[in-house]
Amino acid sequence: MEQAESHKIKDLMKLFYKFSSLNLKAMLEYKFDRFLLSIAIFIREMVSIIVMYLIFTRFIRIKGWEMNQMLFLYSFLFLSYSIFIFFFTGIRDFDNMVYSGELDRFLIRPVGLMFQVIASRVDYCATVGHGTVGIILFLNTFNTVGINWNLKSISYYIAALIGGAIIQAALFMISSCLSFWTIRTINLRNLIFFNSRRFAGYPISFIRVLFRKCLYL
């Protein structure tokens, strides 16, 4: 029984690899356009970093937080999102699958529905754009935030990145489930995730009062 399950997992991994390869080939059909899209995403996200940098040139500390510490937090935000968008683009775009009827094709295939939704789409442009910003910020700040990078801290950081990606997938799943009744959930998705995601790049101490009020509601 265990051997059969291990073979099944191997088959799913191979299938996921094939799906990813097909998505990559489809993206490379328009290499220049996809390259520009990745650059556009990179520039868009860097704007927020530049704004933060300009703020910290006027204020050395904000509630005890220095610029490098803030940029390190932002690197975590971008890296976790790049992991999420690589593995869970299908969950992000689930409402479009329902709207276009693409989901109906998944229902007649002899593979799990959730696996097909996850494996069917990979947003390489967003992965590269956000991932590049995250890597640049991390490489420029990881030695300045007072963390002793040993095996334990590295393992913790990797686990936190994976956990952050799964939490973001769960938030998107909330709006995805509503797609069966409302069909299009773009605005709800933006409200639940993209607008609230702005808070994730800041320490809780910045918005502590707001969080307390939300918890007391």
N, C-alpha and C. Protein backbone atom coordinates (compact mmCIF):
# COMPACT_ATOMS: atom_id res chain seq x y z
N MET A 1 0.83 -1.21 0.00
CA MET A 1 0.00 0.00 0.00
C MET A 1 0.86 1.25 0.00
N GLU A 2 1.87 1.28 0.87
CA GLU A 2 2.76 2.43 0.93
C GLU A 2 3.54 2.61 -0.36
N GLN A 3 3.93 1.46 -0.99
CA GLN A 3 4.66 1.54 -2.24
C GLN A 3 3.78 2.11 -3.34
N ALA A 4 2.48 1.70 -3.35
CA ALA A 4 1.55 2.23 -4.36
C ALA A 4 1.37 3.72 -4.20
N GLU A 5 1.29 4.20 -2.92
CA GLU A 5 1.12 5.63 -2.69
C GLU A 5 2.36 6.40 -3.13
N SER A 6 3.56 5.83 -2.89
CA SER A 6 4.78 6.51 -3.29
C SER A 6 4.87 6.63 -4.81
N HIS A 7 4.43 5.57 -5.50
CA HIS A 7 4.42 5.65 -6.97
C HIS A 7 3.42 6.70 -7.44
N LYS A 8 2.30 6.79 -6.74
CA LYS A 8 1.30 7.78 -7.12
C LYS A 8 1.85 9.19 -6.95
N ILE A 9 2.57 9.43 -5.86
CA ILE A 9 3.17 10.74 -5.64
C ILE A 9 4.19 11.05 -6.73
N LYS A 10 4.97 10.05 -7.10
CA LYS A 10 5.94 10.25 -8.18
C LYS A 10 5.25 10.60 -9.48
N ASP A 11 4.14 9.93 -9.76
CA ASP A 11 3.39 10.21 -10.99
C ASP A 11 2.86 11.64 -10.98
N LEU A 12 2.36 12.07 -9.83
CA LEU A 12 1.84 13.43 -9.73
C LEU A 12 2.96 14.46 -9.89
N MET A 13 4.12 14.17 -9.35
CA MET A 13 5.26 15.07 -9.51
C MET A 13 5.67 15.17 -10.97
N LYS A 14 5.68 14.04 -11.67
CA LYS A 14 6.00 14.05 -13.10
C LYS A 14 4.96 14.84 -13.88
N LEU A 15 3.69 14.64 -13.50
CA LEU A 15 2.62 15.36 -14.19
C LEU A 15 2.71 16.85 -13.94
N PHE A 16 3.05 17.22 -12.70
CA PHE A 16 3.22 18.64 -12.39
C PHE A 16 4.36 19.24 -13.20
N TYR A 17 5.44 18.49 -13.34
CA TYR A 17 6.58 18.94 -14.14
C TYR A 17 6.18 19.14 -15.59
N LYS A 18 5.38 18.23 -16.13
CA LYS A 18 4.94 18.37 -17.52
C LYS A 18 4.03 19.58 -17.70
N PHE A 19 3.13 19.78 -16.73
CA PHE A 19 2.27 20.97 -16.78
C PHE A 19 3.11 22.24 -16.76
N SER A 20 4.10 22.27 -15.87
CA SER A 20 4.96 23.45 -15.75
C SER A 20 5.75 23.69 -17.03
N SER A 21 6.21 22.60 -17.65
CA SER A 21 6.96 22.73 -18.91
C SER A 21 6.09 23.28 -20.01
N LEU A 22 4.84 22.81 -20.07
CA LEU A 22 3.92 23.31 -21.09
C LEU A 22 3.60 24.79 -20.86
N ASN A 23 3.42 25.17 -19.58
CA ASN A 23 3.17 26.58 -19.27
C ASN A 23 4.36 27.45 -19.66
N LEU A 24 5.57 26.94 -19.44
CA LEU A 24 6.76 27.68 -19.80
C LEU A 24 6.88 27.83 -21.32
N LYS A 25 6.57 26.77 -22.05
CA LYS A 25 6.62 26.83 -23.51
C LYS A 25 5.59 27.82 -24.04
N ALA A 26 4.39 27.82 -23.44
CA ALA A 26 3.36 28.76 -23.86
C ALA A 26 3.79 30.20 -23.59
N MET A 27 4.44 30.42 -22.45
CA MET A 27 4.92 31.77 -22.12
C MET A 27 6.00 32.22 -23.09
N LEU A 28 6.89 31.30 -23.47
CA LEU A 28 8.01 31.66 -24.34
C LEU A 28 7.61 31.85 -25.80
N GLU A 29 6.33 31.61 -26.10
CA GLU A 29 5.84 31.93 -27.45
C GLU A 29 5.95 33.42 -27.71
N TYR A 30 5.85 34.21 -26.67
CA TYR A 30 5.94 35.67 -26.79
C TYR A 30 7.02 36.14 -25.81
N LYS A 31 8.25 35.81 -26.14
CA LYS A 31 9.37 36.05 -25.23
C LYS A 31 9.51 37.52 -24.86
N PHE A 32 9.49 38.40 -25.86
CA PHE A 32 9.72 39.83 -25.59
C PHE A 32 8.60 40.41 -24.75
N ASP A 33 7.36 40.03 -25.06
CA ASP A 33 6.22 40.54 -24.30
C ASP A 33 6.30 40.09 -22.85
N ARG A 34 6.64 38.81 -22.62
CA ARG A 34 6.74 38.30 -21.26
C ARG A 34 7.91 38.92 -20.52
N PHE A 35 8.98 39.17 -21.24
CA PHE A 35 10.13 39.83 -20.62
C PHE A 35 9.76 41.23 -20.15
N LEU A 36 9.04 41.97 -21.00
CA LEU A 36 8.61 43.32 -20.62
C LEU A 36 7.64 43.27 -19.44
N LEU A 37 6.78 42.25 -19.41
CA LEU A 37 5.84 42.12 -18.30
C LEU A 37 6.57 41.87 -16.99
N SER A 38 7.60 41.03 -17.03
CA SER A 38 8.40 40.77 -15.82
C SER A 38 9.09 42.05 -15.36
N ILE A 39 9.63 42.81 -16.32
CA ILE A 39 10.28 44.08 -15.98
C ILE A 39 9.27 45.05 -15.39
N ALA A 40 8.06 45.09 -15.98
CA ALA A 40 7.03 46.00 -15.48
C ALA A 40 6.64 45.66 -14.05
N ILE A 41 6.50 44.37 -13.74
CA ILE A 41 6.17 43.95 -12.38
C ILE A 41 7.29 44.33 -11.43
N PHE A 42 8.54 44.11 -11.87
CA PHE A 42 9.70 44.45 -11.05
C PHE A 42 9.72 45.94 -10.73
N ILE A 43 9.50 46.78 -11.76
CA ILE A 43 9.52 48.24 -11.56
C ILE A 43 8.37 48.68 -10.65
N ARG A 44 7.20 48.09 -10.88
CA ARG A 44 6.03 48.45 -10.06
C ARG A 44 6.28 48.18 -8.59
N GLU A 45 6.87 47.03 -8.27
CA GLU A 45 7.12 46.69 -6.88
C GLU A 45 8.29 47.49 -6.30
N MET A 46 9.25 47.84 -7.13
CA MET A 46 10.38 48.62 -6.65
C MET A 46 9.98 50.04 -6.28
N VAL A 47 8.89 50.52 -6.86
CA VAL A 47 8.42 51.88 -6.54
C VAL A 47 8.12 51.99 -5.05
N SER A 48 7.45 50.96 -4.50
CA SER A 48 7.13 51.00 -3.07
C SER A 48 8.39 50.96 -2.22
N ILE A 49 9.41 50.26 -2.70
CA ILE A 49 10.69 50.21 -1.97
C ILE A 49 11.37 51.58 -2.01
N ILE A 50 11.31 52.22 -3.15
CA ILE A 50 11.93 53.55 -3.28
C ILE A 50 11.22 54.56 -2.38
N VAL A 51 9.89 54.47 -2.32
CA VAL A 51 9.13 55.37 -1.45
C VAL A 51 9.54 55.16 0.01
N MET A 52 9.68 53.90 0.42
CA MET A 52 10.10 53.62 1.79
C MET A 52 11.51 54.16 2.03
N TYR A 53 12.38 53.98 1.07
CA TYR A 53 13.74 54.47 1.21
C TYR A 53 13.75 55.99 1.39
N LEU A 54 12.94 56.70 0.62
CA LEU A 54 12.87 58.16 0.73
C LEU A 54 12.34 58.59 2.09
N ILE A 55 11.38 57.80 2.62
CA ILE A 55 10.85 58.12 3.94
C ILE A 55 11.94 57.98 5.00
N PHE A 56 12.73 56.91 4.90
CA PHE A 56 13.75 56.66 5.92
C PHE A 56 14.95 57.58 5.77
N THR A 57 15.08 58.26 4.63
CA THR A 57 16.14 59.27 4.54
C THR A 57 15.79 60.50 5.38
N ARG A 58 14.50 60.67 5.68
CA ARG A 58 14.07 61.78 6.54
C ARG A 58 13.96 61.35 8.00
N PHE A 59 13.58 60.08 8.21
CA PHE A 59 13.42 59.57 9.57
C PHE A 59 14.31 58.34 9.72
N ILE A 60 15.33 58.45 10.56
CA ILE A 60 16.28 57.35 10.72
C ILE A 60 15.60 56.11 11.29
N ARG A 61 14.70 56.31 12.23
CA ARG A 61 13.96 55.20 12.83
C ARG A 61 12.47 55.54 12.86
N ILE A 62 11.66 54.52 12.70
CA ILE A 62 10.21 54.66 12.87
C ILE A 62 9.77 53.60 13.86
N LYS A 63 9.41 54.03 15.07
CA LYS A 63 9.02 53.12 16.14
C LYS A 63 10.10 52.07 16.40
N GLY A 64 11.35 52.48 16.34
CA GLY A 64 12.46 51.59 16.65
C GLY A 64 12.95 50.75 15.49
N TRP A 65 12.31 50.86 14.34
CA TRP A 65 12.69 50.06 13.18
C TRP A 65 13.53 50.90 12.23
N GLU A 66 14.67 50.33 11.81
CA GLU A 66 15.55 50.99 10.85
C GLU A 66 15.22 50.55 9.43
N MET A 67 15.82 51.24 8.48
CA MET A 67 15.52 50.98 7.08
C MET A 67 15.85 49.56 6.67
N ASN A 68 17.02 49.05 7.04
CA ASN A 68 17.41 47.70 6.65
C ASN A 68 16.47 46.64 7.21
N GLN A 69 15.99 46.88 8.43
CA GLN A 69 15.05 45.94 9.02
C GLN A 69 13.73 45.93 8.26
N MET A 70 13.28 47.10 7.87
CA MET A 70 12.04 47.18 7.09
C MET A 70 12.20 46.54 5.72
N LEU A 71 13.32 46.78 5.08
CA LEU A 71 13.56 46.19 3.76
C LEU A 71 13.69 44.68 3.87
N PHE A 72 14.22 44.18 4.98
CA PHE A 72 14.29 42.74 5.19
C PHE A 72 12.89 42.14 5.28
N LEU A 73 12.00 42.83 5.99
CA LEU A 73 10.60 42.38 6.04
C LEU A 73 9.97 42.37 4.66
N TYR A 74 10.27 43.39 3.88
CA TYR A 74 9.73 43.45 2.52
C TYR A 74 10.29 42.31 1.67
N SER A 75 11.54 41.95 1.87
CA SER A 75 12.12 40.84 1.10
C SER A 75 11.36 39.55 1.39
N PHE A 76 10.98 39.35 2.65
CA PHE A 76 10.18 38.17 3.00
C PHE A 76 8.84 38.20 2.29
N LEU A 77 8.22 39.37 2.23
CA LEU A 77 6.92 39.51 1.59
C LEU A 77 7.00 39.14 0.11
N PHE A 78 8.01 39.64 -0.58
CA PHE A 78 8.14 39.37 -2.01
C PHE A 78 8.55 37.92 -2.28
N LEU A 79 9.45 37.38 -1.48
CA LEU A 79 9.89 36.01 -1.71
C LEU A 79 8.76 35.01 -1.44
N SER A 80 8.00 35.22 -0.38
CA SER A 80 6.90 34.31 -0.08
C SER A 80 5.82 34.41 -1.16
N TYR A 81 5.59 35.61 -1.68
CA TYR A 81 4.59 35.75 -2.75
C TYR A 81 5.07 35.08 -4.03
N SER A 82 6.38 35.16 -4.33
CA SER A 82 6.89 34.51 -5.54
C SER A 82 6.74 32.99 -5.45
N ILE A 83 6.94 32.43 -4.25
CA ILE A 83 6.72 31.00 -4.05
C ILE A 83 5.25 30.66 -4.22
N PHE A 84 4.40 31.48 -3.62
CA PHE A 84 2.97 31.26 -3.74
C PHE A 84 2.52 31.31 -5.20
N ILE A 85 2.95 32.31 -5.93
CA ILE A 85 2.46 32.50 -7.29
C ILE A 85 3.00 31.43 -8.23
N PHE A 86 4.14 30.83 -7.90
CA PHE A 86 4.68 29.75 -8.72
C PHE A 86 3.85 28.48 -8.57
N PHE A 87 3.45 28.17 -7.34
CA PHE A 87 2.75 26.92 -7.08
C PHE A 87 1.22 27.06 -7.10
N PHE A 88 0.70 28.25 -6.82
CA PHE A 88 -0.74 28.38 -6.63
C PHE A 88 -1.39 29.43 -7.52
N THR A 89 -0.84 29.64 -8.70
CA THR A 89 -1.47 30.58 -9.64
C THR A 89 -2.89 30.15 -9.97
N GLY A 90 -3.10 28.84 -10.06
CA GLY A 90 -4.44 28.33 -10.38
C GLY A 90 -5.48 28.74 -9.36
N ILE A 91 -5.09 28.78 -8.08
CA ILE A 91 -6.03 29.22 -7.04
C ILE A 91 -6.31 30.71 -7.19
N ARG A 92 -5.28 31.48 -7.54
CA ARG A 92 -5.48 32.92 -7.75
C ARG A 92 -6.44 33.18 -8.89
N ASP A 93 -6.35 32.39 -9.95
CA ASP A 93 -7.16 32.60 -11.16
C ASP A 93 -8.37 31.67 -11.22
N PHE A 94 -8.77 31.12 -10.08
CA PHE A 94 -9.83 30.12 -10.08
C PHE A 94 -11.14 30.67 -10.61
N ASP A 95 -11.49 31.89 -10.26
CA ASP A 95 -12.76 32.45 -10.72
C ASP A 95 -12.79 32.56 -12.24
N ASN A 96 -11.67 32.83 -12.85
CA ASN A 96 -11.62 32.91 -14.31
C ASN A 96 -11.83 31.54 -14.94
N MET A 97 -11.34 30.48 -14.27
CA MET A 97 -11.58 29.12 -14.76
C MET A 97 -13.07 28.79 -14.74
N VAL A 98 -13.74 29.20 -13.67
CA VAL A 98 -15.18 28.96 -13.56
C VAL A 98 -15.93 29.77 -14.61
N TYR A 99 -15.54 31.03 -14.77
CA TYR A 99 -16.22 31.93 -15.71
C TYR A 99 -16.06 31.46 -17.16
N SER A 100 -14.84 31.02 -17.51
CA SER A 100 -14.57 30.62 -18.90
C SER A 100 -15.00 29.19 -19.22
N GLY A 101 -15.34 28.41 -18.19
CA GLY A 101 -15.72 27.02 -18.41
C GLY A 101 -14.55 26.06 -18.42
N GLU A 102 -13.35 26.58 -18.19
CA GLU A 102 -12.17 25.72 -18.19
C GLU A 102 -12.24 24.67 -17.09
N LEU A 103 -12.89 25.00 -16.00
CA LEU A 103 -12.99 24.07 -14.88
C LEU A 103 -13.75 22.81 -15.27
N ASP A 104 -14.69 22.93 -16.20
CA ASP A 104 -15.48 21.77 -16.61
C ASP A 104 -14.60 20.66 -17.20
N ARG A 105 -13.54 21.04 -17.88
CA ARG A 105 -12.64 20.04 -18.47
C ARG A 105 -11.92 19.26 -17.38
N PHE A 106 -11.62 19.93 -16.26
CA PHE A 106 -10.93 19.25 -15.17
C PHE A 106 -11.79 18.18 -14.52
N LEU A 107 -13.12 18.39 -14.53
CA LEU A 107 -14.02 17.50 -13.82
C LEU A 107 -14.11 16.11 -14.45
N ILE A 108 -13.75 15.99 -15.73
CA ILE A 108 -13.88 14.70 -16.41
C ILE A 108 -12.54 13.97 -16.53
N ARG A 109 -11.49 14.53 -15.96
CA ARG A 109 -10.17 13.90 -16.02
C ARG A 109 -9.93 13.04 -14.79
N PRO A 110 -9.18 11.94 -14.95
CA PRO A 110 -8.97 11.00 -13.83
C PRO A 110 -7.86 11.44 -12.87
N VAL A 111 -7.80 12.73 -12.59
CA VAL A 111 -6.83 13.28 -11.64
C VAL A 111 -7.59 14.22 -10.72
N GLY A 112 -7.11 14.36 -9.49
CA GLY A 112 -7.79 15.22 -8.52
C GLY A 112 -7.98 16.64 -9.03
N LEU A 113 -9.14 17.20 -8.71
CA LEU A 113 -9.48 18.55 -9.19
C LEU A 113 -8.50 19.59 -8.67
N MET A 114 -8.20 19.56 -7.38
CA MET A 114 -7.31 20.56 -6.80
C MET A 114 -5.92 20.48 -7.41
N PHE A 115 -5.44 19.26 -7.66
CA PHE A 115 -4.13 19.12 -8.28
C PHE A 115 -4.12 19.75 -9.67
N GLN A 116 -5.17 19.54 -10.45
CA GLN A 116 -5.24 20.12 -11.79
C GLN A 116 -5.29 21.64 -11.75
N VAL A 117 -6.06 22.17 -10.80
CA VAL A 117 -6.16 23.63 -10.67
C VAL A 117 -4.79 24.22 -10.35
N ILE A 118 -4.07 23.58 -9.44
CA ILE A 118 -2.75 24.10 -9.04
C ILE A 118 -1.73 23.93 -10.16
N ALA A 119 -1.74 22.76 -10.82
CA ALA A 119 -0.71 22.45 -11.82
C ALA A 119 -0.97 23.10 -13.17
N SER A 120 -2.20 23.51 -13.42
CA SER A 120 -2.54 23.96 -14.77
C SER A 120 -1.96 25.32 -15.13
N ARG A 121 -1.64 26.12 -14.12
CA ARG A 121 -1.17 27.48 -14.40
C ARG A 121 0.04 27.83 -13.54
N VAL A 122 0.99 28.50 -14.16
CA VAL A 122 2.14 29.05 -13.46
C VAL A 122 2.40 30.45 -14.03
N ASP A 123 2.39 31.45 -13.16
CA ASP A 123 2.65 32.83 -13.61
C ASP A 123 4.14 33.10 -13.45
N TYR A 124 4.89 32.76 -14.49
CA TYR A 124 6.35 32.92 -14.42
C TYR A 124 6.75 34.39 -14.34
N CYS A 125 6.00 35.26 -14.99
CA CYS A 125 6.36 36.68 -14.99
C CYS A 125 6.27 37.26 -13.58
N ALA A 126 5.18 36.96 -12.88
CA ALA A 126 5.03 37.46 -11.51
C ALA A 126 6.04 36.79 -10.58
N THR A 127 6.32 35.51 -10.83
CA THR A 127 7.32 34.81 -10.01
C THR A 127 8.68 35.47 -10.15
N VAL A 128 9.08 35.75 -11.38
CA VAL A 128 10.38 36.37 -11.63
C VAL A 128 10.41 37.80 -11.11
N GLY A 129 9.35 38.58 -11.39
CA GLY A 129 9.33 39.99 -10.98
C GLY A 129 9.40 40.16 -9.48
N HIS A 130 8.52 39.45 -8.75
CA HIS A 130 8.52 39.56 -7.29
C HIS A 130 9.75 38.88 -6.68
N GLY A 131 10.12 37.73 -7.24
CA GLY A 131 11.27 37.02 -6.71
C GLY A 131 12.56 37.81 -6.83
N THR A 132 12.72 38.52 -7.95
CA THR A 132 13.92 39.32 -8.15
C THR A 132 14.01 40.45 -7.13
N VAL A 133 12.88 41.12 -6.89
CA VAL A 133 12.86 42.17 -5.87
C VAL A 133 13.21 41.60 -4.50
N GLY A 134 12.60 40.45 -4.17
CA GLY A 134 12.86 39.84 -2.87
C GLY A 134 14.31 39.43 -2.69
N ILE A 135 14.90 38.85 -3.73
CA ILE A 135 16.30 38.42 -3.64
C ILE A 135 17.23 39.61 -3.48
N ILE A 136 16.98 40.67 -4.24
CA ILE A 136 17.82 41.87 -4.14
C ILE A 136 17.76 42.45 -2.73
N LEU A 137 16.55 42.56 -2.19
CA LEU A 137 16.40 43.12 -0.84
C LEU A 137 17.05 42.21 0.20
N PHE A 138 16.85 40.91 0.05
CA PHE A 138 17.42 39.97 1.03
C PHE A 138 18.94 40.01 1.03
N LEU A 139 19.54 40.01 -0.15
CA LEU A 139 21.00 40.00 -0.24
C LEU A 139 21.61 41.29 0.31
N ASN A 140 20.85 42.37 0.28
CA ASN A 140 21.38 43.64 0.77
C ASN A 140 21.10 43.89 2.25
N THR A 141 20.30 43.03 2.87
CA THR A 141 19.91 43.31 4.26
C THR A 141 20.13 42.16 5.22
N PHE A 142 20.34 40.93 4.74
CA PHE A 142 20.34 39.79 5.66
C PHE A 142 21.50 39.85 6.66
N ASN A 143 22.58 40.55 6.32
CA ASN A 143 23.72 40.65 7.24
C ASN A 143 23.63 41.85 8.18
N THR A 144 22.57 42.64 8.06
CA THR A 144 22.48 43.89 8.82
C THR A 144 21.34 43.90 9.84
N VAL A 145 20.62 42.78 9.97
CA VAL A 145 19.45 42.77 10.85
C VAL A 145 19.69 42.01 12.15
N GLY A 146 20.93 41.63 12.41
CA GLY A 146 21.27 41.00 13.68
C GLY A 146 20.87 39.55 13.81
N ILE A 147 20.67 38.86 12.69
CA ILE A 147 20.32 37.44 12.73
C ILE A 147 21.58 36.60 12.54
N ASN A 148 21.76 35.62 13.42
CA ASN A 148 22.87 34.70 13.29
C ASN A 148 22.45 33.57 12.34
N TRP A 149 22.96 33.61 11.13
CA TRP A 149 22.50 32.68 10.09
C TRP A 149 23.19 31.33 10.25
N ASN A 150 22.66 30.52 11.13
CA ASN A 150 23.11 29.15 11.28
C ASN A 150 22.04 28.21 10.72
N LEU A 151 22.25 26.92 10.88
CA LEU A 151 21.33 25.95 10.31
C LEU A 151 19.91 26.12 10.86
N LYS A 152 19.81 26.42 12.15
CA LYS A 152 18.50 26.58 12.77
C LYS A 152 17.76 27.79 12.21
N SER A 153 18.44 28.94 12.13
CA SER A 153 17.79 30.16 11.64
C SER A 153 17.46 30.05 10.15
N ILE A 154 18.34 29.41 9.38
CA ILE A 154 18.07 29.22 7.95
C ILE A 154 16.85 28.32 7.75
N SER A 155 16.78 27.24 8.53
CA SER A 155 15.64 26.32 8.44
C SER A 155 14.35 27.04 8.83
N TYR A 156 14.45 27.86 9.88
CA TYR A 156 13.27 28.62 10.32
C TYR A 156 12.82 29.59 9.25
N TYR A 157 13.78 30.26 8.60
CA TYR A 157 13.43 31.23 7.56
C TYR A 157 12.78 30.55 6.37
N ILE A 158 13.32 29.41 5.96
CA ILE A 158 12.74 28.68 4.84
C ILE A 158 11.33 28.20 5.18
N ALA A 159 11.16 27.68 6.41
CA ALA A 159 9.83 27.23 6.84
C ALA A 159 8.85 28.39 6.89
N ALA A 160 9.33 29.57 7.31
CA ALA A 160 8.46 30.75 7.35
C ALA A 160 8.05 31.18 5.94
N LEU A 161 8.97 31.09 4.99
CA LEU A 161 8.64 31.42 3.60
C LEU A 161 7.56 30.49 3.06
N ILE A 162 7.75 29.19 3.31
CA ILE A 162 6.76 28.21 2.84
C ILE A 162 5.42 28.43 3.54
N GLY A 163 5.47 28.69 4.85
CA GLY A 163 4.24 28.97 5.58
C GLY A 163 3.54 30.21 5.09
N GLY A 164 4.32 31.25 4.77
CA GLY A 164 3.73 32.48 4.23
C GLY A 164 3.06 32.23 2.89
N ALA A 165 3.67 31.41 2.04
CA ALA A 165 3.07 31.09 0.75
C ALA A 165 1.76 30.32 0.93
N ILE A 166 1.73 29.39 1.90
CA ILE A 166 0.52 28.60 2.14
C ILE A 166 -0.60 29.49 2.71
N ILE A 167 -0.24 30.42 3.60
CA ILE A 167 -1.24 31.34 4.15
C ILE A 167 -1.86 32.19 3.04
N GLN A 168 -1.04 32.67 2.12
CA GLN A 168 -1.56 33.45 1.01
C GLN A 168 -2.46 32.61 0.11
N ALA A 169 -2.09 31.34 -0.09
CA ALA A 169 -2.94 30.44 -0.87
C ALA A 169 -4.28 30.24 -0.19
N ALA A 170 -4.27 30.14 1.14
CA ALA A 170 -5.51 29.97 1.90
C ALA A 170 -6.41 31.19 1.77
N LEU A 171 -5.81 32.38 1.77
CA LEU A 171 -6.61 33.60 1.62
C LEU A 171 -7.27 33.64 0.23
N PHE A 172 -6.52 33.25 -0.78
CA PHE A 172 -7.10 33.21 -2.12
C PHE A 172 -8.18 32.13 -2.23
N MET A 173 -8.02 31.05 -1.47
CA MET A 173 -9.00 29.98 -1.52
C MET A 173 -10.37 30.45 -1.03
N ILE A 174 -10.36 31.42 -0.10
CA ILE A 174 -11.63 31.95 0.40
C ILE A 174 -12.45 32.54 -0.73
N SER A 175 -11.82 33.41 -1.53
CA SER A 175 -12.54 34.01 -2.65
C SER A 175 -12.81 32.99 -3.75
N SER A 176 -11.92 32.01 -3.91
CA SER A 176 -12.10 30.99 -4.95
C SER A 176 -13.35 30.16 -4.68
N CYS A 177 -13.59 29.82 -3.41
CA CYS A 177 -14.77 29.02 -3.08
C CYS A 177 -16.06 29.74 -3.42
N LEU A 178 -16.05 31.06 -3.29
CA LEU A 178 -17.26 31.85 -3.60
C LEU A 178 -17.52 31.96 -5.09
N SER A 179 -16.56 31.55 -5.92
CA SER A 179 -16.72 31.66 -7.37
C SER A 179 -17.87 30.80 -7.89
N PHE A 180 -18.21 29.72 -7.17
CA PHE A 180 -19.29 28.85 -7.62
C PHE A 180 -20.64 29.54 -7.54
N TRP A 181 -20.76 30.56 -6.67
CA TRP A 181 -22.02 31.27 -6.52
C TRP A 181 -21.99 32.65 -7.19
N THR A 182 -20.86 33.34 -7.11
CA THR A 182 -20.78 34.70 -7.63
C THR A 182 -20.09 34.79 -8.99
N ILE A 183 -19.50 33.69 -9.47
CA ILE A 183 -18.78 33.57 -10.75
C ILE A 183 -17.51 34.40 -10.76
N ARG A 184 -17.62 35.73 -10.71
CA ARG A 184 -16.43 36.59 -10.72
C ARG A 184 -16.21 37.16 -9.33
N THR A 185 -15.01 36.99 -8.83
CA THR A 185 -14.69 37.46 -7.48
C THR A 185 -13.44 38.33 -7.49
N ILE A 186 -13.21 39.05 -8.58
CA ILE A 186 -11.99 39.84 -8.70
C ILE A 186 -11.91 40.91 -7.61
N ASN A 187 -12.99 41.65 -7.45
CA ASN A 187 -12.97 42.74 -6.46
C ASN A 187 -12.88 42.19 -5.03
N LEU A 188 -13.55 41.07 -4.76
CA LEU A 188 -13.44 40.46 -3.45
C LEU A 188 -12.02 39.98 -3.20
N ARG A 189 -11.41 39.40 -4.23
CA ARG A 189 -10.02 38.94 -4.13
C ARG A 189 -9.09 40.10 -3.84
N ASN A 190 -9.31 41.22 -4.51
CA ASN A 190 -8.48 42.40 -4.26
C ASN A 190 -8.67 42.91 -2.84
N LEU A 191 -9.92 42.86 -2.35
CA LEU A 191 -10.20 43.34 -1.00
C LEU A 191 -9.57 42.44 0.05
N ILE A 192 -9.71 41.12 -0.11
CA ILE A 192 -9.22 40.17 0.88
C ILE A 192 -7.70 40.11 0.88
N PHE A 193 -7.10 40.14 -0.30
CA PHE A 193 -5.66 39.88 -0.36
C PHE A 193 -4.84 41.10 -0.71
N PHE A 194 -5.02 41.64 -1.90
CA PHE A 194 -4.08 42.64 -2.40
C PHE A 194 -4.11 43.93 -1.57
N ASN A 195 -5.29 44.32 -1.08
CA ASN A 195 -5.33 45.52 -0.24
C ASN A 195 -4.78 45.24 1.16
N SER A 196 -5.16 44.09 1.73
CA SER A 196 -4.66 43.75 3.06
C SER A 196 -3.18 43.39 3.03
N ARG A 197 -2.67 42.97 1.87
CA ARG A 197 -1.27 42.60 1.74
C ARG A 197 -0.34 43.78 1.99
N ARG A 198 -0.85 44.99 1.81
CA ARG A 198 -0.04 46.17 2.05
C ARG A 198 0.42 46.25 3.51
N PHE A 199 -0.40 45.71 4.42
CA PHE A 199 -0.04 45.75 5.84
C PHE A 199 1.06 44.74 6.16
N ALA A 200 1.21 43.70 5.33
CA ALA A 200 2.13 42.61 5.66
C ALA A 200 3.59 43.05 5.63
N GLY A 201 3.89 44.13 4.93
CA GLY A 201 5.26 44.59 4.85
C GLY A 201 5.70 45.46 6.00
N TYR A 202 4.81 45.66 6.97
CA TYR A 202 5.13 46.52 8.11
C TYR A 202 5.04 45.72 9.40
N PRO A 203 5.83 46.09 10.40
CA PRO A 203 5.74 45.41 11.71
C PRO A 203 4.38 45.62 12.35
N ILE A 204 3.97 44.69 13.19
CA ILE A 204 2.68 44.80 13.86
C ILE A 204 2.63 46.04 14.74
N SER A 205 3.78 46.46 15.26
CA SER A 205 3.80 47.64 16.14
C SER A 205 3.35 48.89 15.41
N PHE A 206 3.46 48.91 14.08
CA PHE A 206 3.02 50.07 13.31
C PHE A 206 1.50 50.20 13.32
N ILE A 207 0.81 49.08 13.34
CA ILE A 207 -0.65 49.10 13.21
C ILE A 207 -1.31 48.33 14.36
N ARG A 208 -0.65 48.38 15.51
CA ARG A 208 -1.12 47.60 16.66
C ARG A 208 -2.53 47.99 17.06
N VAL A 209 -2.82 49.27 17.09
CA VAL A 209 -4.14 49.73 17.51
C VAL A 209 -5.21 49.22 16.56
N LEU A 210 -4.92 49.24 15.27
CA LEU A 210 -5.89 48.77 14.28
C LEU A 210 -6.17 47.29 14.47
N PHE A 211 -5.13 46.50 14.72
CA PHE A 211 -5.32 45.07 14.92
C PHE A 211 -6.14 44.79 16.18
N ARG A 212 -5.89 45.56 17.22
CA ARG A 212 -6.65 45.36 18.45
C ARG A 212 -8.13 45.63 18.23
N LYS A 213 -8.42 46.70 17.50
CA LYS A 213 -9.82 47.03 17.22
C LYS A 213 -10.48 45.92 16.40
N CYS A 214 -9.73 45.37 15.43
CA CYS A 214 -10.29 44.29 14.60
C CYS A 214 -10.55 43.04 15.43
N LEU A 215 -9.65 42.75 16.37
CA LEU A 215 -9.83 41.58 17.21
C LEU A 215 -11.00 41.72 18.16
N TYR A 216 -11.29 42.96 18.56
CA TYR A 216 -12.38 43.18 19.52
C TYR A 216 -13.76 43.23 18.85
N LEU A 217 -13.74 43.30 17.49
CA LEU A 217 -15.04 43.37 16.80
C LEU A 217 -15.78 42.04 16.90
